[in-house]
Amino acid sequence: MDNNLTFTFDGYPPAARQQLLQLRQLILALVSELDLGPCEESLKWGEPSYAVKSGSPIRIGWKEKHPHQVSVFFNCNTRLVSTFRELYSGLLQFEGNRELLLPVHQPLPENAIKHCLQLALTYKKIKHLPLLGC
């Protein structure tokens, strides 16, 4: 992780930082498990961003105005969040067509999150499928 990313993660409150680092680890583990090639980890709009050739970019972050949640952002021009909503509306919270909201002080629903991240990381391969192949 480069210094700018380290500085950004270090600037988050401890509970949010822990959850965001867990999301980062899930993303990087999926990239490796799925053999998706290099993952570009950078800052976009001041937030950690992850991109692979086969997928749609993912950003993660925390905002002071919503201190009890972290966000996972997806491209609003995709069907990702509408698919996630169809699959996980009883388990996950969403904002509009681009944001997944996660409470900071609750464990991540890891299986659902991993599935959402996997769909985003492979989006270019599955975007033609109904419900993205689910």
C-alpha atoms as a PDB file:
ATOM      1  CA  MET A   1       0.000   0.000   0.000  1.00  0.00           C
ATOM      2  CA  ASP A   2       1.459   3.374  -0.934  1.00  0.00           C
ATOM      3  CA  ASN A   3       1.896   6.237   1.534  1.00  0.00           C
ATOM      4  CA  ASN A   4      -1.160   8.173   0.331  1.00  0.00           C
ATOM      5  CA  LEU A   5      -3.405   5.161   0.930  1.00  0.00           C
ATOM      6  CA  THR A   6      -1.806   4.477   4.312  1.00  0.00           C
ATOM      7  CA  PHE A   7      -2.336   8.120   5.286  1.00  0.00           C
ATOM      8  CA  THR A   8      -5.980   7.937   4.168  1.00  0.00           C
ATOM      9  CA  PHE A   9      -6.709   4.748   6.130  1.00  0.00           C
ATOM     10  CA  ASP A  10      -4.899   6.164   9.182  1.00  0.00           C
ATOM     11  CA  GLY A  11      -7.192   9.212   9.048  1.00  0.00           C
ATOM     12  CA  TYR A  12     -10.349   7.162   9.623  1.00  0.00           C
ATOM     13  CA  PRO A  13     -11.681   6.540  13.164  1.00  0.00           C
ATOM     14  CA  PRO A  14     -10.533   3.146  14.536  1.00  0.00           C
ATOM     15  CA  ALA A  15     -13.814   1.227  14.052  1.00  0.00           C
ATOM     16  CA  ALA A  16     -14.290   2.552  10.503  1.00  0.00           C
ATOM     17  CA  ARG A  17     -10.608   1.936   9.659  1.00  0.00           C
ATOM     18  CA  GLN A  18     -10.867  -1.669  10.851  1.00  0.00           C
ATOM     19  CA  GLN A  19     -13.916  -2.323   8.706  1.00  0.00           C
ATOM     20  CA  LEU A  20     -12.446  -0.563   5.654  1.00  0.00           C
ATOM     21  CA  LEU A  21      -9.220  -2.540   5.969  1.00  0.00           C
ATOM     22  CA  GLN A  22     -11.314  -5.712   6.164  1.00  0.00           C
ATOM     23  CA  LEU A  23     -13.102  -4.686   2.943  1.00  0.00           C
ATOM     24  CA  ARG A  24      -9.729  -3.970   1.323  1.00  0.00           C
ATOM     25  CA  GLN A  25      -8.507  -7.425   2.314  1.00  0.00           C
ATOM     26  CA  LEU A  26     -11.661  -9.062   0.905  1.00  0.00           C
ATOM     27  CA  ILE A  27     -11.209  -7.234  -2.410  1.00  0.00           C
ATOM     28  CA  LEU A  28      -7.531  -8.126  -2.754  1.00  0.00           C
ATOM     29  CA  ALA A  29      -8.181 -11.746  -1.735  1.00  0.00           C
ATOM     30  CA  LEU A  30     -10.936 -12.074  -4.359  1.00  0.00           C
ATOM     31  CA  VAL A  31      -8.702 -10.584  -7.047  1.00  0.00           C
ATOM     32  CA  SER A  32      -6.114 -13.225  -6.219  1.00  0.00           C
ATOM     33  CA  GLU A  33      -8.572 -16.144  -5.811  1.00  0.00           C
ATOM     34  CA  LEU A  34     -10.320 -15.353  -9.087  1.00  0.00           C
ATOM     35  CA  ASP A  35      -6.995 -14.753 -10.863  1.00  0.00           C
ATOM     36  CA  LEU A  36      -8.152 -11.374 -12.175  1.00  0.00           C
ATOM     37  CA  GLY A  37      -4.693 -10.015 -12.866  1.00  0.00           C
ATOM     38  CA  PRO A  38      -3.262  -6.810 -11.464  1.00  0.00           C
ATOM     39  CA  CYS A  39      -5.425  -4.696  -9.188  1.00  0.00           C
ATOM     40  CA  GLU A  40      -4.935  -0.946  -9.349  1.00  0.00           C
ATOM     41  CA  GLU A  41      -5.213   0.365  -5.810  1.00  0.00           C
ATOM     42  CA  SER A  42      -5.338   4.152  -5.753  1.00  0.00           C
ATOM     43  CA  LEU A  43      -7.173   7.156  -4.378  1.00  0.00           C
ATOM     44  CA  LYS A  44     -10.210   8.433  -6.298  1.00  0.00           C
ATOM     45  CA  TRP A  45     -12.075  11.400  -4.879  1.00  0.00           C
ATOM     46  CA  GLY A  46      -9.945  10.994  -1.754  1.00  0.00           C
ATOM     47  CA  GLU A  47     -11.077   7.420  -1.118  1.00  0.00           C
ATOM     48  CA  PRO A  48      -9.410   4.045  -1.675  1.00  0.00           C
ATOM     49  CA  SER A  49     -10.331   2.663  -5.099  1.00  0.00           C
ATOM     50  CA  TYR A  50      -9.807  -0.786  -6.608  1.00  0.00           C
ATOM     51  CA  ALA A  51      -9.935  -1.636 -10.292  1.00  0.00           C
ATOM     52  CA  VAL A  52      -9.199  -4.700 -12.423  1.00  0.00           C
ATOM     53  CA  LYS A  53      -9.546  -5.096 -16.202  1.00  0.00           C
ATOM     54  CA  SER A  54     -12.479  -7.497 -15.951  1.00  0.00           C
ATOM     55  CA  GLY A  55     -14.524  -5.398 -13.572  1.00  0.00           C
ATOM     56  CA  SER A  56     -16.123  -2.172 -12.564  1.00  0.00           C
ATOM     57  CA  PRO A  57     -14.201   0.021 -10.089  1.00  0.00           C
ATOM     58  CA  ILE A  58     -14.977  -0.204  -6.383  1.00  0.00           C
ATOM     59  CA  ARG A  59     -14.390   2.622  -3.896  1.00  0.00           C
ATOM     60  CA  ILE A  60     -14.609   2.389  -0.123  1.00  0.00           C
ATOM     61  CA  GLY A  61     -14.867   5.192   2.392  1.00  0.00           C
ATOM     62  CA  TRP A  62     -16.168   6.799   5.534  1.00  0.00           C
ATOM     63  CA  LYS A  63     -17.763  10.246   5.889  1.00  0.00           C
ATOM     64  CA  GLU A  64     -17.814  12.396   9.002  1.00  0.00           C
ATOM     65  CA  LYS A  65     -21.462  13.320   8.364  1.00  0.00           C
ATOM     66  CA  HIS A  66     -22.383   9.594   8.614  1.00  0.00           C
ATOM     67  CA  PRO A  67     -20.037   8.435  11.399  1.00  0.00           C
ATOM     68  CA  HIS A  68     -21.776   5.118  12.074  1.00  0.00           C
ATOM     69  CA  GLN A  69     -21.390   3.639   8.606  1.00  0.00           C
ATOM     70  CA  VAL A  70     -18.844   2.931   5.922  1.00  0.00           C
ATOM     71  CA  SER A  71     -19.687   2.918   2.244  1.00  0.00           C
ATOM     72  CA  VAL A  72     -18.814   0.785  -0.730  1.00  0.00           C
ATOM     73  CA  PHE A  73     -19.335   2.684  -3.975  1.00  0.00           C
ATOM     74  CA  PHE A  74     -20.013   1.140  -7.379  1.00  0.00           C
ATOM     75  CA  ASN A  75     -20.369   2.715 -10.813  1.00  0.00           C
ATOM     76  CA  CYS A  76     -23.894   4.145 -11.022  1.00  0.00           C
ATOM     77  CA  ASN A  77     -24.069   3.319 -14.755  1.00  0.00           C
ATOM     78  CA  THR A  78     -24.044  -0.420 -14.026  1.00  0.00           C
ATOM     79  CA  ARG A  79     -26.739  -2.831 -12.825  1.00  0.00           C
ATOM     80  CA  LEU A  80     -24.619  -3.815  -9.837  1.00  0.00           C
ATOM     81  CA  VAL A  81     -26.567  -2.164  -7.015  1.00  0.00           C
ATOM     82  CA  SER A  82     -29.943  -3.096  -8.508  1.00  0.00           C
ATOM     83  CA  THR A  83     -28.769  -6.715  -8.602  1.00  0.00           C
ATOM     84  CA  PHE A  84     -27.444  -6.505  -5.025  1.00  0.00           C
ATOM     85  CA  ARG A  85     -30.773  -5.038  -3.934  1.00  0.00           C
ATOM     86  CA  GLU A  86     -32.633  -7.927  -5.570  1.00  0.00           C
ATOM     87  CA  LEU A  87     -30.401 -10.494  -3.871  1.00  0.00           C
ATOM     88  CA  TYR A  88     -29.723  -8.950  -0.469  1.00  0.00           C
ATOM     89  CA  SER A  89     -32.377  -6.331   0.319  1.00  0.00           C
ATOM     90  CA  GLY A  90     -33.162  -7.974   3.664  1.00  0.00           C
ATOM     91  CA  LEU A  91     -29.518  -8.134   4.684  1.00  0.00           C
ATOM     92  CA  LEU A  92     -27.788  -5.088   3.196  1.00  0.00           C
ATOM     93  CA  GLN A  93     -28.664  -1.378   2.955  1.00  0.00           C
ATOM     94  CA  PHE A  94     -28.278   0.665  -0.212  1.00  0.00           C
ATOM     95  CA  GLU A  95     -28.355   4.323  -1.171  1.00  0.00           C
ATOM     96  CA  GLY A  96     -29.443   5.135  -4.703  1.00  0.00           C
ATOM     97  CA  ASN A  97     -27.873   3.129  -7.503  1.00  0.00           C
ATOM     98  CA  ARG A  98     -24.251   3.358  -6.393  1.00  0.00           C
ATOM     99  CA  GLU A  99     -23.743   2.874  -2.662  1.00  0.00           C
ATOM    100  CA  LEU A 100     -23.767  -0.036  -0.233  1.00  0.00           C
ATOM    101  CA  LEU A 101     -23.963   1.105   3.408  1.00  0.00           C
ATOM    102  CA  LEU A 102     -22.434  -0.957   6.210  1.00  0.00           C
ATOM    103  CA  PRO A 103     -22.872  -0.214   9.934  1.00  0.00           C
ATOM    104  CA  VAL A 104     -19.468   0.374  11.535  1.00  0.00           C
ATOM    105  CA  HIS A 105     -20.222  -1.382  14.817  1.00  0.00           C
ATOM    106  CA  GLN A 106     -21.594  -4.613  13.358  1.00  0.00           C
ATOM    107  CA  PRO A 107     -19.705  -7.517  11.813  1.00  0.00           C
ATOM    108  CA  LEU A 108     -19.626  -7.532   8.036  1.00  0.00           C
ATOM    109  CA  PRO A 109     -22.065  -9.996   6.453  1.00  0.00           C
ATOM    110  CA  GLU A 110     -19.034 -11.484   4.770  1.00  0.00           C
ATOM    111  CA  ASN A 111     -20.663 -13.941   2.355  1.00  0.00           C
ATOM    112  CA  ALA A 112     -23.021 -11.329   0.912  1.00  0.00           C
ATOM    113  CA  ILE A 113     -20.275  -8.702   0.717  1.00  0.00           C
ATOM    114  CA  LYS A 114     -17.872 -11.101  -0.978  1.00  0.00           C
ATOM    115  CA  HIS A 115     -20.538 -11.982  -3.543  1.00  0.00           C
ATOM    116  CA  CYS A 116     -21.223  -8.290  -4.281  1.00  0.00           C
ATOM    117  CA  LEU A 117     -17.509  -7.577  -4.615  1.00  0.00           C
ATOM    118  CA  GLN A 118     -17.046 -10.591  -6.895  1.00  0.00           C
ATOM    119  CA  LEU A 119     -19.848  -9.410  -9.180  1.00  0.00           C
ATOM    120  CA  ALA A 120     -18.245  -5.961  -9.397  1.00  0.00           C
ATOM    121  CA  LEU A 121     -14.764  -7.363 -10.023  1.00  0.00           C
ATOM    122  CA  THR A 122     -16.048  -9.535 -12.891  1.00  0.00           C
ATOM    123  CA  TYR A 123     -18.711  -7.134 -14.200  1.00  0.00           C
ATOM    124  CA  LYS A 124     -17.383  -6.810 -17.754  1.00  0.00           C
ATOM    125  CA  LYS A 125     -17.639 -10.594 -18.187  1.00  0.00           C
ATOM    126  CA  ILE A 126     -21.168 -10.931 -16.767  1.00  0.00           C
ATOM    127  CA  LYS A 127     -22.949  -7.647 -17.526  1.00  0.00           C
ATOM    128  CA  HIS A 128     -24.937  -9.219 -20.369  1.00  0.00           C
ATOM    129  CA  LEU A 129     -26.494 -11.864 -18.086  1.00  0.00           C
ATOM    130  CA  PRO A 130     -29.888 -11.419 -16.374  1.00  0.00           C
ATOM    131  CA  LEU A 131     -29.320 -10.510 -12.722  1.00  0.00           C
ATOM    132  CA  LEU A 132     -25.607 -10.682 -13.587  1.00  0.00           C
ATOM    133  CA  GLY A 133     -25.750 -14.469 -13.678  1.00  0.00           C
ATOM    134  CA  CYS A 134     -27.163 -14.963 -10.172  1.00  0.00           C
END
